[in-house]
C-alpha atoms as a PDB file:
ATOM      1  CA  MET A   1      72.084 124.630 104.820  1.00  0.00           C
ATOM      2  CA  ALA A   2      72.412 122.240 107.314  1.00  0.00           C
ATOM      3  CA  ILE A   3      74.857 122.101 110.091  1.00  0.00           C
ATOM      4  CA  THR A   4      75.632 118.776 111.418  1.00  0.00           C
ATOM      5  CA  PHE A   5      77.509 117.938 114.618  1.00  0.00           C
ATOM      6  CA  ASP A   6      79.946 115.819 112.170  1.00  0.00           C
ATOM      7  CA  LYS A   7      80.935 119.138 110.179  1.00  0.00           C
ATOM      8  CA  ALA A   8      80.951 121.312 113.045  1.00  0.00           C
ATOM      9  CA  LEU A   9      83.775 119.395 115.776  1.00  0.00           C
ATOM     10  CA  GLY A  10      85.550 117.699 112.920  1.00  0.00           C
ATOM     11  CA  ILE A  11      88.020 115.125 114.053  1.00  0.00           C
ATOM     12  CA  HIS A  12      87.917 116.053 117.757  1.00  0.00           C
ATOM     13  CA  GLU A  13      85.304 113.856 118.417  1.00  0.00           C
ATOM     14  CA  HIS A  14      86.356 111.231 117.502  1.00  0.00           C
ATOM     15  CA  ALA A  15      90.247 111.960 119.022  1.00  0.00           C
ATOM     16  CA  LEU A  16      88.214 112.442 122.438  1.00  0.00           C
ATOM     17  CA  GLN A  17      86.885 109.024 122.334  1.00  0.00           C
ATOM     18  CA  ALA A  18      90.272 107.424 121.247  1.00  0.00           C
ATOM     19  CA  ARG A  19      92.058 109.425 124.017  1.00  0.00           C
ATOM     20  CA  VAL A  20      89.691 108.043 126.346  1.00  0.00           C
ATOM     21  CA  LYS A  21      90.313 104.187 125.154  1.00  0.00           C
ATOM     22  CA  ARG A  22      93.718 104.521 125.288  1.00  0.00           C
ATOM     23  CA  ALA A  23      93.866 105.840 128.811  1.00  0.00           C
ATOM     24  CA  GLU A  24      91.469 102.615 129.862  1.00  0.00           C
ATOM     25  CA  VAL A  25      94.499 100.896 128.506  1.00  0.00           C
ATOM     26  CA  LEU A  26      97.470 102.613 129.685  1.00  0.00           C
ATOM     27  CA  ALA A  27      95.907 102.679 133.250  1.00  0.00           C
ATOM     28  CA  ASN A  28      95.512  99.167 132.468  1.00  0.00           C
ATOM     29  CA  ASN A  29      99.275  99.017 132.541  1.00  0.00           C
ATOM     30  CA  LEU A  30     100.527 100.409 135.624  1.00  0.00           C
ATOM     31  CA  ALA A  31      97.825  98.636 137.824  1.00  0.00           C
ATOM     32  CA  ASN A  32      99.266  95.733 136.530  1.00  0.00           C
ATOM     33  CA  ALA A  33     103.389  96.771 136.961  1.00  0.00           C
ATOM     34  CA  ASP A  34     103.843  94.072 139.022  1.00  0.00           C
ATOM     35  CA  THR A  35     102.336  91.718 137.529  1.00  0.00           C
ATOM     36  CA  PRO A  36     104.654  89.001 136.341  1.00  0.00           C
ATOM     37  CA  GLY A  37     104.234  87.972 132.734  1.00  0.00           C
ATOM     38  CA  TYR A  38     102.150  90.921 131.866  1.00  0.00           C
ATOM     39  CA  LYS A  39     102.760  92.537 129.089  1.00  0.00           C
ATOM     40  CA  ALA A  40     102.225  96.467 127.847  1.00  0.00           C
ATOM     41  CA  ARG A  41      99.445  97.129 125.586  1.00  0.00           C
ATOM     42  CA  ASP A  42      98.566 100.245 124.118  1.00  0.00           C
ATOM     43  CA  VAL A  43      96.392 101.145 121.211  1.00  0.00           C
ATOM     44  CA  ASP A  44      97.600 102.777 117.654  1.00  0.00           C
ATOM     45  CA  PHE A  45      96.482 106.377 117.924  1.00  0.00           C
ATOM     46  CA  GLN A  46      97.761 107.928 114.339  1.00  0.00           C
ATOM     47  CA  ALA A  47      95.882 104.411 112.891  1.00  0.00           C
ATOM     48  CA  MET A  48      92.502 105.485 114.916  1.00  0.00           C
ATOM     49  CA  MET A  49      92.912 108.602 113.724  1.00  0.00           C
ATOM     50  CA  GLN A  50      93.152 108.321 110.000  1.00  0.00           C
ATOM     51  CA  LYS A  51      90.589 106.159 109.650  1.00  0.00           C
ATOM     52  CA  ALA A  52      88.189 108.151 111.324  1.00  0.00           C
ATOM     53  CA  GLN A  53      89.592 111.495 108.723  1.00  0.00           C
ATOM     54  CA  ASP A  54      89.353 108.545 106.386  1.00  0.00           C
ATOM     55  CA  SER A  55      85.448 107.350 107.141  1.00  0.00           C
ATOM     56  CA  MET A  56      85.038 111.126 107.888  1.00  0.00           C
ATOM     57  CA  ALA A  57      85.609 111.786 103.994  1.00  0.00           C
ATOM     58  CA  GLY A  58      83.642 109.459 103.068  1.00  0.00           C
ATOM     59  CA  PHE A  59      86.727 107.306 101.570  1.00  0.00           C
ATOM     60  CA  GLY A  60      86.604 104.811 103.574  1.00  0.00           C
ATOM     61  CA  MET A  61      86.930 100.362 102.229  1.00  0.00           C
ATOM     62  CA  THR A  62      84.259  98.183 102.923  1.00  0.00           C
ATOM     63  CA  THR A  63      83.994  94.701 102.641  1.00  0.00           C
ATOM     64  CA  THR A  64      82.255  93.960 100.005  1.00  0.00           C
ATOM     65  CA  HIS A  65      82.171  90.139 100.145  1.00  0.00           C
ATOM     66  CA  SER A  66      83.436  87.845 103.436  1.00  0.00           C
ATOM     67  CA  GLY A  67      86.048  86.270 101.242  1.00  0.00           C
ATOM     68  CA  HIS A  68      87.822  89.767 100.854  1.00  0.00           C
ATOM     69  CA  MET A  69      91.126  89.935 103.133  1.00  0.00           C
ATOM     70  CA  ASP A  70      90.915  93.098 105.877  1.00  0.00           C
ATOM     71  CA  THR A  71      94.314  95.352 105.029  1.00  0.00           C
ATOM     72  CA  SER A  72      93.967  97.868 107.309  1.00  0.00           C
ATOM     73  CA  SER A  73      96.773  98.095 108.948  1.00  0.00           C
ATOM     74  CA  PRO A  74      97.100  96.630 112.729  1.00  0.00           C
ATOM     75  CA  GLY A  75      95.542  99.038 115.317  1.00  0.00           C
ATOM     76  CA  ALA A  76      93.776 101.184 113.140  1.00  0.00           C
ATOM     77  CA  ASP A  77      89.674  99.741 114.350  1.00  0.00           C
ATOM     78  CA  GLY A  78      91.388 100.277 118.170  1.00  0.00           C
ATOM     79  CA  GLU A  79      92.528  96.805 118.895  1.00  0.00           C
ATOM     80  CA  LEU A  80      95.723  96.622 121.319  1.00  0.00           C
ATOM     81  CA  LEU A  81      99.210  96.870 120.126  1.00  0.00           C
ATOM     82  CA  TYR A  82     101.640  95.059 122.422  1.00  0.00           C
ATOM     83  CA  ARG A  83     104.658  97.034 122.628  1.00  0.00           C
ATOM     84  CA  THR A  84     108.076  95.991 122.630  1.00  0.00           C
ATOM     85  CA  PRO A  85     109.855  96.621 125.631  1.00  0.00           C
ATOM     86  CA  HIS A  86     113.203  98.399 126.429  1.00  0.00           C
ATOM     87  CA  GLN A  87     114.350  96.304 129.420  1.00  0.00           C
ATOM     88  CA  PRO A  88     111.639  93.378 130.022  1.00  0.00           C
ATOM     89  CA  SER A  89     112.237  92.415 133.516  1.00  0.00           C
ATOM     90  CA  ILE A  90     113.357  88.462 134.650  1.00  0.00           C
ATOM     91  CA  ASP A  91     109.866  88.373 135.831  1.00  0.00           C
ATOM     92  CA  GLY A  92     108.521  88.477 131.918  1.00  0.00           C
ATOM     93  CA  ASN A  93     106.704  91.544 131.964  1.00  0.00           C
ATOM     94  CA  THR A  94     106.887  94.088 129.845  1.00  0.00           C
ATOM     95  CA  VAL A  95     105.793  97.606 131.737  1.00  0.00           C
ATOM     96  CA  ASP A  96     108.380 100.321 132.391  1.00  0.00           C
ATOM     97  CA  ALA A  97     106.167 102.156 135.179  1.00  0.00           C
ATOM     98  CA  GLN A  98     108.244 105.915 134.589  1.00  0.00           C
ATOM     99  CA  ALA A  99     107.621 105.148 130.825  1.00  0.00           C
ATOM    100  CA  GLU A 100     103.577 104.515 130.966  1.00  0.00           C
ATOM    101  CA  GLN A 101     103.495 107.812 133.705  1.00  0.00           C
ATOM    102  CA  THR A 102     104.950 109.415 131.284  1.00  0.00           C
ATOM    103  CA  ARG A 103     102.323 108.241 127.997  1.00  0.00           C
ATOM    104  CA  PHE A 104      99.095 109.302 130.651  1.00  0.00           C
ATOM    105  CA  MET A 105     100.002 111.994 131.963  1.00  0.00           C
ATOM    106  CA  ARG A 106     100.398 113.018 128.027  1.00  0.00           C
ATOM    107  CA  ASN A 107      97.911 111.614 127.491  1.00  0.00           C
ATOM    108  CA  ALA A 108      95.734 113.188 129.965  1.00  0.00           C
ATOM    109  CA  MET A 109      97.244 116.554 128.709  1.00  0.00           C
ATOM    110  CA  ASP A 110      95.811 116.099 124.633  1.00  0.00           C
ATOM    111  CA  TYR A 111      92.824 115.107 126.104  1.00  0.00           C
ATOM    112  CA  GLN A 112      92.378 118.088 127.941  1.00  0.00           C
ATOM    113  CA  ALA A 113      93.186 119.783 124.885  1.00  0.00           C
ATOM    114  CA  SER A 114      90.996 118.068 122.795  1.00  0.00           C
ATOM    115  CA  PHE A 115      87.855 118.460 125.705  1.00  0.00           C
ATOM    116  CA  GLN A 116      88.622 122.474 125.253  1.00  0.00           C
ATOM    117  CA  PHE A 117      88.502 122.618 121.795  1.00  0.00           C
ATOM    118  CA  LEU A 118      85.185 121.186 121.975  1.00  0.00           C
ATOM    119  CA  SER A 119      84.102 123.364 124.743  1.00  0.00           C
ATOM    120  CA  SER A 120      85.052 126.379 122.169  1.00  0.00           C
ATOM    121  CA  ARG A 121      83.410 125.228 119.088  1.00  0.00           C
ATOM    122  CA  PHE A 122      80.386 124.401 121.468  1.00  0.00           C
ATOM    123  CA  SER A 123      80.356 127.854 122.924  1.00  0.00           C
ATOM    124  CA  GLY A 124      80.735 129.222 119.071  1.00  0.00           C
ATOM    125  CA  LEU A 125      78.049 127.499 118.081  1.00  0.00           C
ATOM    126  CA  THR A 126      75.700 128.036 120.780  1.00  0.00           C
ATOM    127  CA  LYS A 127      76.344 131.842 120.171  1.00  0.00           C
ATOM    128  CA  ALA A 128      75.744 131.702 116.619  1.00  0.00           C
ATOM    129  CA  LEU A 129      72.066 130.345 117.555  1.00  0.00           C
ATOM    130  CA  LYS A 130      71.703 133.181 119.247  1.00  0.00           C
ATOM    131  CA  GLY A 131      72.709 135.403 116.787  1.00  0.00           C
ATOM    132  CA  GLU A 132      75.097 136.622 118.902  1.00  0.00           C
END
């Protein structure tokens, strides 16, 4: 019985990639916190994970004809979505620096958790291969 990395690592590989993408978007928001007219963006992490889970299960929908409509939820491919501000500034900037910092730190902690889980998985696979 062959073990593939997809089966051994599960969804956590995809979660790590999604966390990296989200960190880039949140860092970009923080960098543009003082840019007039800048609109805060984010990715839909839940939709990205659902798409990854569906593709792993083999139930992903495929387009078989160019005339088919795309009915997937927005953000499922990791596309950037605009965040609705609680209180936009006068210059049109929708970045709330404190909220962005909080989101960035939470994302960093979730990234570390996924990374540690994958590290322990690799450690377990290494021990299994060595016969320990």
